[in-house]
Amino acid sequence: MAQNLDGYHRALDLFEGLLAGAPRDSWDAPTPCGRWTARDLAGHVTGGQHLIRALASGEPAPDTTEAPARFVPGDVLMAWRTARKQSAASLTPDALRRLVPVSGLGELPLVDFLGGYVLEPLVHAWDLAVATGQPTRLDRDLVHHAFATAQLIAAPLRADGRLAPPLRAPQGADEQTRLLSFLGRPQPASTAPHP
């Protein structure tokens, strides 16, 4: 079992950096995630830290998609950091061995789930960057890893209506653009790859 959570922590660091860099007046900005604002999106990813803590302890998992802004009342960055700290504290060796349900894949040890979970904060980091006018270039190694995960889990998520249909990536697109297109995210002109 892989115990290296470096990619997971790097993806969380990337998301946290974008939260910290978001202008204070940007939390009502629309995101590429349908009807969600930047605050909703931040709440969804923050809720994911509560979800991981619940999986680690065997508690009922919270719904992170219904009214996600409830996870980040007031100071968004402080709510995120608190949730992240609590989640990290729950990741004991025993918790990392705990089997957790994974849609379409059965059960996996939590440590392996976290390896694939990189996709969630990474792609939502891009969403947040677009919404708040920040740089949208993602870590290439994390993109590569996340794309492999996306290809494994996309079918059941699409069947449940939780993932948009794929878009056609431009010819010669880089891997980040191909990943985002696969996940149904249209590329704003300002983030399209340069020729």
Foldseek 3Di string as FASTA:
>chain_A
DDQDLPLLVVLLVLLLVLLVVFPPPLQQFDWLPPPHGLLLLLLLVLLVLVQLLCLLVVHDRDDCNPSSSVQQPDRSSVSSVVSNVSSVVSPDVVSQQRWDQDPPPGTDRNSVVSQQCSLSSQVSSLRSCVSRVHDNDGDPVSLVSNLVSCVRRVPRCVVVVNFDQAADFPPPFDSNSNSCRNRVGDDDPVNGDDD
